Amino acid sequence: MLSMSLTQYLLLVILWLLHTTVTIFLNISSLTKTFVAMMTSSNNLLDVDMVRTLPKIPQHIAFLFLEDISFPDLARLLVWTVMADIPVVSLFDPRGELKARQDELLLAVRKEYVRQTAADKIPPLSLSWRPHTNAETVVVTSGGSYMYPDANGNGSSSGGCEKSLTVSLLCPKDGKDDVVKAAQDISSDVETGRLNLSDVSEQLVGDRLKTNKSLPDPCLLVRFGSIASNANFLPWQIRLTEMHHLATHKRIASDKLLEVLFKYAKCHQRFGK
């Protein structure tokens, strides 16, 4: 019995040493990647000419954040999607931080857009903002060298914008809960006779979902962080989505996003066929 206890103790020590070693290695690797990104972050403008050579670009790209969020770096990613003519972006974080701090994010996007507009003469932007909160509002903004709304939500919509972007803010409750509610509504309609069982289809389920309603499903999902997980991202909307991973979005260079777009462009999607 004593021998068995000693063996278990030794195994626990070995397991602890292995776990500690791997953790230290991953932390050093993460710090190294962050340092390299900081040293190579001088390229803050997306190479639009390279983007135009791609045979296809995603019509809807999703960014999943499995690390602490840097709002200036996230704002830079959003401006690059505008430059790449990607019309829809979904932003997902497991803690709902983006929804709680959306005013801060809007101001960061405005600041970065104004900065890059001055540097690269980006045309005026029409921005559709979908926070998916209980008090659901869609704020459409536009302006020449300025972008609204401000922290108080003040803004205006006007014509003449050559660029448009829809930003959807998401958290876990927008995923599974939405699917469950849609399934319950369909079951209730079948039970009461308002809907025939033969009418239940993939299209019907999609139409009953409230999250990202009227928007195309994400073509491309990019995960940021060291965790290999989708963190309860919208399960229905990403059933045909291409998924890629980047170590971090902090101090990210535009080449990293361009690399992901190239991989997506080379991928032949068969959609289960």
C-alpha atoms as a PDB file:
ATOM      1  CA  MET A   1       0.000   0.000   0.000  1.00  0.00           C
ATOM      2  CA  LEU A   2       2.876   2.320   0.844  1.00  0.00           C
ATOM      3  CA  SER A   3       4.526   1.468  -2.481  1.00  0.00           C
ATOM      4  CA  MET A   4       1.332   2.314  -4.363  1.00  0.00           C
ATOM      5  CA  SER A   5       1.031   5.673  -2.581  1.00  0.00           C
ATOM      6  CA  LEU A   6       4.643   6.514  -3.356  1.00  0.00           C
ATOM      7  CA  THR A   7       4.098   5.628  -7.027  1.00  0.00           C
ATOM      8  CA  GLN A   8       1.047   7.858  -7.212  1.00  0.00           C
ATOM      9  CA  TYR A   9       2.973  10.658  -5.550  1.00  0.00           C
ATOM     10  CA  LEU A  10       5.806  10.354  -8.065  1.00  0.00           C
ATOM     11  CA  LEU A  11       3.336  10.338 -10.957  1.00  0.00           C
ATOM     12  CA  LEU A  12       1.706  13.500  -9.617  1.00  0.00           C
ATOM     13  CA  VAL A  13       5.086  15.194  -9.341  1.00  0.00           C
ATOM     14  CA  ILE A  14       5.994  14.172 -12.894  1.00  0.00           C
ATOM     15  CA  LEU A  15       2.616  15.415 -14.162  1.00  0.00           C
ATOM     16  CA  TRP A  16       3.089  18.729 -12.343  1.00  0.00           C
ATOM     17  CA  LEU A  17       6.587  19.142 -13.806  1.00  0.00           C
ATOM     18  CA  LEU A  18       5.317  18.409 -17.316  1.00  0.00           C
ATOM     19  CA  HIS A  19       2.400  20.814 -16.934  1.00  0.00           C
ATOM     20  CA  THR A  20       4.644  23.564 -15.541  1.00  0.00           C
ATOM     21  CA  THR A  21       7.214  23.076 -18.293  1.00  0.00           C
ATOM     22  CA  VAL A  22       4.609  23.227 -21.056  1.00  0.00           C
ATOM     23  CA  THR A  23       2.965  26.299 -19.480  1.00  0.00           C
ATOM     24  CA  ILE A  24       6.292  28.129 -19.258  1.00  0.00           C
ATOM     25  CA  PHE A  25       7.094  27.188 -22.855  1.00  0.00           C
ATOM     26  CA  LEU A  26       3.722  28.457 -24.106  1.00  0.00           C
ATOM     27  CA  ASN A  27       4.081  31.725 -22.179  1.00  0.00           C
ATOM     28  CA  ILE A  28       7.588  32.291 -23.535  1.00  0.00           C
ATOM     29  CA  SER A  29       6.362  31.483 -27.035  1.00  0.00           C
ATOM     30  CA  SER A  30       3.455  33.927 -26.671  1.00  0.00           C
ATOM     31  CA  LEU A  31       5.731  36.687 -25.355  1.00  0.00           C
ATOM     32  CA  THR A  32       8.193  36.067 -28.181  1.00  0.00           C
ATOM     33  CA  LYS A  33       5.456  36.306 -30.817  1.00  0.00           C
ATOM     34  CA  THR A  34       4.131  39.497 -29.241  1.00  0.00           C
ATOM     35  CA  PHE A  35       7.634  41.012 -29.183  1.00  0.00           C
ATOM     36  CA  VAL A  36       8.235  40.073 -32.824  1.00  0.00           C
ATOM     37  CA  ALA A  37       4.872  41.576 -33.761  1.00  0.00           C
ATOM     38  CA  MET A  38       5.797  44.799 -31.959  1.00  0.00           C
ATOM     39  CA  MET A  39       9.095  44.980 -33.823  1.00  0.00           C
ATOM     40  CA  THR A  40       7.468  44.385 -37.210  1.00  0.00           C
ATOM     41  CA  SER A  41       4.292  46.434 -36.808  1.00  0.00           C
ATOM     42  CA  SER A  42       5.489  49.356 -38.925  1.00  0.00           C
ATOM     43  CA  ASN A  43       3.372  48.146 -41.835  1.00  0.00           C
ATOM     44  CA  ASN A  44      -0.027  49.428 -40.711  1.00  0.00           C
ATOM     45  CA  LEU A  45      -1.608  49.775 -44.147  1.00  0.00           C
ATOM     46  CA  LEU A  46      -3.122  46.863 -46.001  1.00  0.00           C
ATOM     47  CA  ASP A  47      -1.695  46.221 -49.465  1.00  0.00           C
ATOM     48  CA  VAL A  48      -4.900  46.801 -51.424  1.00  0.00           C
ATOM     49  CA  ASP A  49      -3.217  45.927 -54.720  1.00  0.00           C
ATOM     50  CA  MET A  50      -2.414  42.462 -53.361  1.00  0.00           C
ATOM     51  CA  VAL A  51      -6.001  42.022 -52.199  1.00  0.00           C
ATOM     52  CA  ARG A  52      -7.266  42.834 -55.690  1.00  0.00           C
ATOM     53  CA  THR A  53      -5.265  39.926 -57.119  1.00  0.00           C
ATOM     54  CA  LEU A  54      -7.236  37.414 -55.047  1.00  0.00           C
ATOM     55  CA  PRO A  55      -9.780  35.300 -56.945  1.00  0.00           C
ATOM     56  CA  LYS A  56     -12.265  35.714 -54.094  1.00  0.00           C
ATOM     57  CA  ILE A  57     -12.586  37.530 -50.785  1.00  0.00           C
ATOM     58  CA  PRO A  58     -14.981  36.703 -47.938  1.00  0.00           C
ATOM     59  CA  GLN A  59     -18.259  38.572 -47.924  1.00  0.00           C
ATOM     60  CA  HIS A  60     -18.450  38.056 -44.172  1.00  0.00           C
ATOM     61  CA  ILE A  61     -15.416  37.594 -41.910  1.00  0.00           C
ATOM     62  CA  ALA A  62     -15.624  36.766 -38.196  1.00  0.00           C
ATOM     63  CA  PHE A  63     -12.962  37.539 -35.598  1.00  0.00           C
ATOM     64  CA  LEU A  64     -12.998  35.407 -32.435  1.00  0.00           C
ATOM     65  CA  PHE A  65     -10.973  36.775 -29.506  1.00  0.00           C
ATOM     66  CA  LEU A  66      -9.613  34.208 -27.043  1.00  0.00           C
ATOM     67  CA  GLU A  67      -7.269  36.719 -25.423  1.00  0.00           C
ATOM     68  CA  ASP A  68      -7.513  40.157 -23.828  1.00  0.00           C
ATOM     69  CA  ILE A  69      -8.774  42.635 -26.399  1.00  0.00           C
ATOM     70  CA  SER A  70      -6.733  45.616 -27.575  1.00  0.00           C
ATOM     71  CA  PHE A  71      -9.232  48.118 -28.961  1.00  0.00           C
ATOM     72  CA  PRO A  72      -6.712  50.096 -31.070  1.00  0.00           C
ATOM     73  CA  ASP A  73      -5.516  46.866 -32.723  1.00  0.00           C
ATOM     74  CA  LEU A  74      -9.086  45.666 -33.230  1.00  0.00           C
ATOM     75  CA  ALA A  75      -9.955  49.020 -34.797  1.00  0.00           C
ATOM     76  CA  ARG A  76      -7.025  48.563 -37.174  1.00  0.00           C
ATOM     77  CA  LEU A  77      -8.391  45.154 -38.210  1.00  0.00           C
ATOM     78  CA  LEU A  78     -11.793  46.685 -38.939  1.00  0.00           C
ATOM     79  CA  VAL A  79     -10.294  49.420 -41.105  1.00  0.00           C
ATOM     80  CA  TRP A  80      -8.319  46.803 -43.048  1.00  0.00           C
ATOM     81  CA  THR A  81     -11.541  44.915 -43.766  1.00  0.00           C
ATOM     82  CA  VAL A  82     -12.956  48.136 -45.191  1.00  0.00           C
ATOM     83  CA  MET A  83      -9.890  48.514 -47.396  1.00  0.00           C
ATOM     84  CA  ALA A  84     -10.269  44.896 -48.531  1.00  0.00           C
ATOM     85  CA  ASP A  85     -13.935  45.516 -49.496  1.00  0.00           C
ATOM     86  CA  ILE A  86     -15.234  42.948 -47.005  1.00  0.00           C
ATOM     87  CA  PRO A  87     -18.749  44.237 -46.257  1.00  0.00           C
ATOM     88  CA  VAL A  88     -19.621  42.330 -43.051  1.00  0.00           C
ATOM     89  CA  VAL A  89     -17.578  41.634 -39.893  1.00  0.00           C
ATOM     90  CA  SER A  90     -18.663  39.728 -36.793  1.00  0.00           C
ATOM     91  CA  LEU A  91     -16.720  40.283 -33.562  1.00  0.00           C
ATOM     92  CA  PHE A  92     -17.048  37.626 -30.863  1.00  0.00           C
ATOM     93  CA  ASP A  93     -15.597  37.453 -27.373  1.00  0.00           C
ATOM     94  CA  PRO A  94     -16.628  34.903 -24.710  1.00  0.00           C
ATOM     95  CA  ARG A  95     -16.994  37.486 -21.913  1.00  0.00           C
ATOM     96  CA  GLY A  96     -19.186  39.999 -23.714  1.00  0.00           C
ATOM     97  CA  GLU A  97     -16.559  42.715 -23.295  1.00  0.00           C
ATOM     98  CA  LEU A  98     -17.155  44.150 -26.759  1.00  0.00           C
ATOM     99  CA  LYS A  99     -20.827  44.796 -26.056  1.00  0.00           C
ATOM    100  CA  ALA A 100     -20.096  46.310 -22.655  1.00  0.00           C
ATOM    101  CA  ARG A 101     -17.448  48.655 -24.091  1.00  0.00           C
ATOM    102  CA  GLN A 102     -18.881  49.332 -27.544  1.00  0.00           C
ATOM    103  CA  ASP A 103     -18.633  53.109 -27.138  1.00  0.00           C
ATOM    104  CA  GLU A 104     -14.909  52.743 -26.577  1.00  0.00           C
ATOM    105  CA  LEU A 105     -14.642  50.502 -29.629  1.00  0.00           C
ATOM    106  CA  LEU A 106     -16.555  52.967 -31.805  1.00  0.00           C
ATOM    107  CA  LEU A 107     -14.245  55.776 -30.803  1.00  0.00           C
ATOM    108  CA  ALA A 108     -11.192  53.616 -31.526  1.00  0.00           C
ATOM    109  CA  VAL A 109     -12.579  52.737 -34.972  1.00  0.00           C
ATOM    110  CA  ARG A 110     -13.267  56.388 -35.725  1.00  0.00           C
ATOM    111  CA  LYS A 111      -9.752  57.408 -34.660  1.00  0.00           C
ATOM    112  CA  GLU A 112      -8.099  54.693 -36.754  1.00  0.00           C
ATOM    113  CA  TYR A 113     -10.301  55.356 -39.778  1.00  0.00           C
ATOM    114  CA  VAL A 114      -9.522  59.078 -39.688  1.00  0.00           C
ATOM    115  CA  ARG A 115      -5.799  58.297 -39.358  1.00  0.00           C
ATOM    116  CA  GLN A 116      -5.756  55.891 -42.298  1.00  0.00           C
ATOM    117  CA  THR A 117      -8.039  58.105 -44.337  1.00  0.00           C
ATOM    118  CA  ALA A 118      -5.461  60.867 -44.061  1.00  0.00           C
ATOM    119  CA  ALA A 119      -2.636  58.454 -44.904  1.00  0.00           C
ATOM    120  CA  ASP A 120      -4.244  56.512 -47.722  1.00  0.00           C
ATOM    121  CA  LYS A 121      -7.223  58.629 -48.831  1.00  0.00           C
ATOM    122  CA  ILE A 122      -9.856  56.015 -47.990  1.00  0.00           C
ATOM    123  CA  PRO A 123     -13.298  57.177 -49.186  1.00  0.00           C
ATOM    124  CA  PRO A 124     -16.117  58.041 -46.733  1.00  0.00           C
ATOM    125  CA  LEU A 125     -17.566  55.074 -44.863  1.00  0.00           C
ATOM    126  CA  SER A 126     -21.132  54.050 -44.130  1.00  0.00           C
ATOM    127  CA  LEU A 127     -21.058  51.969 -40.944  1.00  0.00           C
ATOM    128  CA  SER A 128     -23.921  49.766 -39.755  1.00  0.00           C
ATOM    129  CA  TRP A 129     -23.507  48.850 -36.079  1.00  0.00           C
ATOM    130  CA  ARG A 130     -25.312  45.795 -34.671  1.00  0.00           C
ATOM    131  CA  PRO A 131     -24.689  45.335 -30.935  1.00  0.00           C
ATOM    132  CA  HIS A 132     -27.300  42.540 -30.449  1.00  0.00           C
ATOM    133  CA  THR A 133     -28.380  43.891 -27.081  1.00  0.00           C
ATOM    134  CA  ASN A 134     -31.813  43.919 -25.470  1.00  0.00           C
ATOM    135  CA  ALA A 135     -32.325  47.476 -26.704  1.00  0.00           C
ATOM    136  CA  GLU A 136     -31.370  46.516 -30.247  1.00  0.00           C
ATOM    137  CA  THR A 137     -30.359  49.446 -32.424  1.00  0.00           C
ATOM    138  CA  VAL A 138     -28.597  49.682 -35.743  1.00  0.00           C
ATOM    139  CA  VAL A 139     -26.601  52.889 -36.038  1.00  0.00           C
ATOM    140  CA  VAL A 140     -25.668  53.900 -39.566  1.00  0.00           C
ATOM    141  CA  THR A 141     -22.859  56.422 -39.718  1.00  0.00           C
ATOM    142  CA  SER A 142     -21.028  58.302 -42.381  1.00  0.00           C
ATOM    143  CA  GLY A 143     -18.942  61.355 -42.987  1.00  0.00           C
ATOM    144  CA  GLY A 144     -16.061  62.732 -45.019  1.00  0.00           C
ATOM    145  CA  SER A 145     -12.889  62.929 -42.958  1.00  0.00           C
ATOM    146  CA  TYR A 146     -14.867  62.233 -39.760  1.00  0.00           C
ATOM    147  CA  MET A 147     -16.805  59.253 -38.570  1.00  0.00           C
ATOM    148  CA  TYR A 148     -19.757  59.041 -36.204  1.00  0.00           C
ATOM    149  CA  PRO A 149     -21.377  58.276 -33.841  1.00  0.00           C
ATOM    150  CA  ASP A 150     -19.457  59.760 -30.971  1.00  0.00           C
ATOM    151  CA  ALA A 151     -19.539  58.334 -27.448  1.00  0.00           C
ATOM    152  CA  ASN A 152     -23.139  59.563 -27.068  1.00  0.00           C
ATOM    153  CA  GLY A 153     -24.325  57.861 -30.242  1.00  0.00           C
ATOM    154  CA  ASN A 154     -24.707  61.086 -32.188  1.00  0.00           C
ATOM    155  CA  GLY A 155     -24.337  60.719 -35.902  1.00  0.00           C
ATOM    156  CA  SER A 156     -25.995  61.075 -39.263  1.00  0.00           C
ATOM    157  CA  SER A 157     -26.536  59.074 -42.391  1.00  0.00           C
ATOM    158  CA  SER A 158     -25.882  60.582 -45.775  1.00  0.00           C
ATOM    159  CA  GLY A 159     -25.335  59.420 -49.318  1.00  0.00           C
ATOM    160  CA  GLY A 160     -22.155  59.430 -51.322  1.00  0.00           C
ATOM    161  CA  CYS A 161     -20.270  56.789 -49.315  1.00  0.00           C
ATOM    162  CA  GLU A 162     -18.204  54.492 -51.503  1.00  0.00           C
ATOM    163  CA  LYS A 163     -17.342  52.108 -48.663  1.00  0.00           C
ATOM    164  CA  SER A 164     -19.743  50.316 -46.326  1.00  0.00           C
ATOM    165  CA  LEU A 165     -19.247  47.985 -43.385  1.00  0.00           C
ATOM    166  CA  THR A 166     -21.627  46.127 -41.099  1.00  0.00           C
ATOM    167  CA  VAL A 167     -20.185  45.284 -37.671  1.00  0.00           C
ATOM    168  CA  SER A 168     -21.944  42.674 -35.535  1.00  0.00           C
ATOM    169  CA  LEU A 169     -21.025  42.359 -31.844  1.00  0.00           C
ATOM    170  CA  LEU A 170     -21.514  38.845 -30.488  1.00  0.00           C
ATOM    171  CA  CYS A 171     -21.120  36.807 -27.299  1.00  0.00           C
ATOM    172  CA  PRO A 172     -22.048  33.204 -26.340  1.00  0.00           C
ATOM    173  CA  LYS A 173     -25.722  33.975 -25.611  1.00  0.00           C
ATOM    174  CA  ASP A 174     -26.166  34.953 -29.277  1.00  0.00           C
ATOM    175  CA  GLY A 175     -25.290  31.387 -30.343  1.00  0.00           C
ATOM    176  CA  LYS A 176     -26.800  28.325 -28.650  1.00  0.00           C
ATOM    177  CA  ASP A 177     -29.580  30.268 -26.928  1.00  0.00           C
ATOM    178  CA  ASP A 178     -30.725  31.633 -30.272  1.00  0.00           C
ATOM    179  CA  VAL A 179     -30.784  28.141 -31.832  1.00  0.00           C
ATOM    180  CA  VAL A 180     -32.714  26.722 -28.867  1.00  0.00           C
ATOM    181  CA  LYS A 181     -35.301  29.527 -29.057  1.00  0.00           C
ATOM    182  CA  ALA A 182     -35.735  28.996 -32.812  1.00  0.00           C
ATOM    183  CA  ALA A 183     -36.203  25.237 -32.294  1.00  0.00           C
ATOM    184  CA  GLN A 184     -38.773  25.861 -29.547  1.00  0.00           C
ATOM    185  CA  ASP A 185     -40.741  28.273 -31.750  1.00  0.00           C
ATOM    186  CA  ILE A 186     -40.766  25.824 -34.665  1.00  0.00           C
ATOM    187  CA  SER A 187     -41.840  22.938 -32.384  1.00  0.00           C
ATOM    188  CA  SER A 188     -44.647  25.074 -30.987  1.00  0.00           C
ATOM    189  CA  ASP A 189     -45.842  26.013 -34.483  1.00  0.00           C
ATOM    190  CA  VAL A 190     -45.854  22.336 -35.561  1.00  0.00           C
ATOM    191  CA  GLU A 191     -47.697  21.292 -32.402  1.00  0.00           C
ATOM    192  CA  THR A 192     -50.417  23.929 -32.842  1.00  0.00           C
ATOM    193  CA  GLY A 193     -50.796  23.232 -36.554  1.00  0.00           C
ATOM    194  CA  ARG A 194     -49.510  26.599 -37.736  1.00  0.00           C
ATOM    195  CA  LEU A 195     -46.686  24.768 -39.488  1.00  0.00           C
ATOM    196  CA  ASN A 196     -46.492  21.374 -41.180  1.00  0.00           C
ATOM    197  CA  LEU A 197     -43.663  19.080 -40.188  1.00  0.00           C
ATOM    198  CA  SER A 198     -42.752  18.712 -43.865  1.00  0.00           C
ATOM    199  CA  ASP A 199     -42.168  22.473 -44.034  1.00  0.00           C
ATOM    200  CA  VAL A 200     -39.345  22.350 -41.500  1.00  0.00           C
ATOM    201  CA  SER A 201     -36.094  22.879 -43.393  1.00  0.00           C
ATOM    202  CA  GLU A 202     -32.606  24.277 -43.015  1.00  0.00           C
ATOM    203  CA  GLN A 203     -33.787  27.529 -44.556  1.00  0.00           C
ATOM    204  CA  LEU A 204     -36.659  27.783 -42.049  1.00  0.00           C
ATOM    205  CA  VAL A 205     -34.338  27.327 -39.081  1.00  0.00           C
ATOM    206  CA  GLY A 206     -31.994  29.971 -40.463  1.00  0.00           C
ATOM    207  CA  ASP A 207     -34.891  32.383 -40.970  1.00  0.00           C
ATOM    208  CA  ARG A 208     -36.025  31.947 -37.355  1.00  0.00           C
ATOM    209  CA  LEU A 209     -32.630  32.896 -35.922  1.00  0.00           C
ATOM    210  CA  LYS A 210     -32.360  36.475 -34.678  1.00  0.00           C
ATOM    211  CA  THR A 211     -28.576  36.744 -34.566  1.00  0.00           C
ATOM    212  CA  ASN A 212     -27.109  38.285 -37.731  1.00  0.00           C
ATOM    213  CA  LYS A 213     -30.553  38.208 -39.321  1.00  0.00           C
ATOM    214  CA  SER A 214     -30.517  39.189 -43.019  1.00  0.00           C
ATOM    215  CA  LEU A 215     -26.709  38.866 -43.089  1.00  0.00           C
ATOM    216  CA  PRO A 216     -24.797  36.124 -44.897  1.00  0.00           C
ATOM    217  CA  ASP A 217     -23.145  33.459 -42.733  1.00  0.00           C
ATOM    218  CA  PRO A 218     -19.429  33.996 -42.074  1.00  0.00           C
ATOM    219  CA  CYS A 219     -17.269  32.738 -44.942  1.00  0.00           C
ATOM    220  CA  LEU A 220     -14.122  32.965 -42.848  1.00  0.00           C
ATOM    221  CA  LEU A 221     -13.483  32.747 -39.095  1.00  0.00           C
ATOM    222  CA  VAL A 222     -10.169  33.915 -37.626  1.00  0.00           C
ATOM    223  CA  ARG A 223      -9.343  32.923 -34.031  1.00  0.00           C
ATOM    224  CA  PHE A 224      -6.918  35.019 -31.973  1.00  0.00           C
ATOM    225  CA  GLY A 225      -5.200  33.519 -28.921  1.00  0.00           C
ATOM    226  CA  SER A 226      -3.454  30.370 -27.765  1.00  0.00           C
ATOM    227  CA  ILE A 227      -6.620  28.342 -27.096  1.00  0.00           C
ATOM    228  CA  ALA A 228      -7.838  25.924 -29.783  1.00  0.00           C
ATOM    229  CA  SER A 229     -11.562  26.500 -29.275  1.00  0.00           C
ATOM    230  CA  ASN A 230     -14.550  28.134 -30.941  1.00  0.00           C
ATOM    231  CA  ALA A 231     -15.761  29.270 -27.482  1.00  0.00           C
ATOM    232  CA  ASN A 232     -19.468  28.745 -28.268  1.00  0.00           C
ATOM    233  CA  PHE A 233     -19.370  30.891 -31.383  1.00  0.00           C
ATOM    234  CA  LEU A 234     -22.617  30.814 -33.376  1.00  0.00           C
ATOM    235  CA  PRO A 235     -22.933  27.052 -34.066  1.00  0.00           C
ATOM    236  CA  TRP A 236     -25.498  27.283 -36.857  1.00  0.00           C
ATOM    237  CA  GLN A 237     -23.938  30.108 -38.833  1.00  0.00           C
ATOM    238  CA  ILE A 238     -20.446  28.567 -39.043  1.00  0.00           C
ATOM    239  CA  ARG A 239     -21.371  25.075 -40.257  1.00  0.00           C
ATOM    240  CA  LEU A 240     -19.758  25.874 -43.645  1.00  0.00           C
ATOM    241  CA  THR A 241     -17.193  28.438 -42.466  1.00  0.00           C
ATOM    242  CA  GLU A 242     -13.462  28.223 -43.205  1.00  0.00           C
ATOM    243  CA  MET A 243     -11.474  28.562 -39.961  1.00  0.00           C
ATOM    244  CA  HIS A 244      -7.961  29.901 -39.447  1.00  0.00           C
ATOM    245  CA  HIS A 245      -5.873  30.771 -36.410  1.00  0.00           C
ATOM    246  CA  LEU A 246      -3.493  33.617 -35.555  1.00  0.00           C
ATOM    247  CA  ALA A 247      -1.480  33.759 -32.340  1.00  0.00           C
ATOM    248  CA  THR A 248      -2.586  37.292 -31.418  1.00  0.00           C
ATOM    249  CA  HIS A 249      -4.261  40.409 -32.763  1.00  0.00           C
ATOM    250  CA  LYS A 250      -2.058  42.689 -30.665  1.00  0.00           C
ATOM    251  CA  ARG A 251       0.414  44.728 -32.720  1.00  0.00           C
ATOM    252  CA  ILE A 252      -0.708  42.665 -35.696  1.00  0.00           C
ATOM    253  CA  ALA A 253       0.813  43.502 -39.061  1.00  0.00           C
ATOM    254  CA  SER A 254      -1.418  43.755 -42.119  1.00  0.00           C
ATOM    255  CA  ASP A 255       0.588  40.949 -43.734  1.00  0.00           C
ATOM    256  CA  LYS A 256      -0.929  38.502 -41.237  1.00  0.00           C
ATOM    257  CA  LEU A 257      -4.468  39.323 -42.332  1.00  0.00           C
ATOM    258  CA  LEU A 258      -3.365  39.244 -45.963  1.00  0.00           C
ATOM    259  CA  GLU A 259      -1.886  35.777 -45.419  1.00  0.00           C
ATOM    260  CA  VAL A 260      -5.219  34.493 -44.083  1.00  0.00           C
ATOM    261  CA  LEU A 261      -7.081  36.040 -47.018  1.00  0.00           C
ATOM    262  CA  PHE A 262      -4.701  34.301 -49.441  1.00  0.00           C
ATOM    263  CA  LYS A 263      -5.326  30.945 -47.739  1.00  0.00           C
ATOM    264  CA  TYR A 264      -9.063  31.499 -47.958  1.00  0.00           C
ATOM    265  CA  ALA A 265      -8.844  32.462 -51.629  1.00  0.00           C
ATOM    266  CA  LYS A 266      -6.970  29.233 -52.439  1.00  0.00           C
ATOM    267  CA  CYS A 267      -9.486  27.037 -50.610  1.00  0.00           C
ATOM    268  CA  HIS A 268     -12.018  25.223 -52.794  1.00  0.00           C
ATOM    269  CA  GLN A 269     -15.223  24.954 -50.779  1.00  0.00           C
ATOM    270  CA  ARG A 270     -17.329  21.920 -51.678  1.00  0.00           C
ATOM    271  CA  PHE A 271     -20.083  22.613 -49.077  1.00  0.00           C
ATOM    272  CA  GLY A 272     -20.347  18.942 -48.106  1.00  0.00           C
ATOM    273  CA  LYS A 273     -20.558  17.617 -51.673  1.00  0.00           C
END
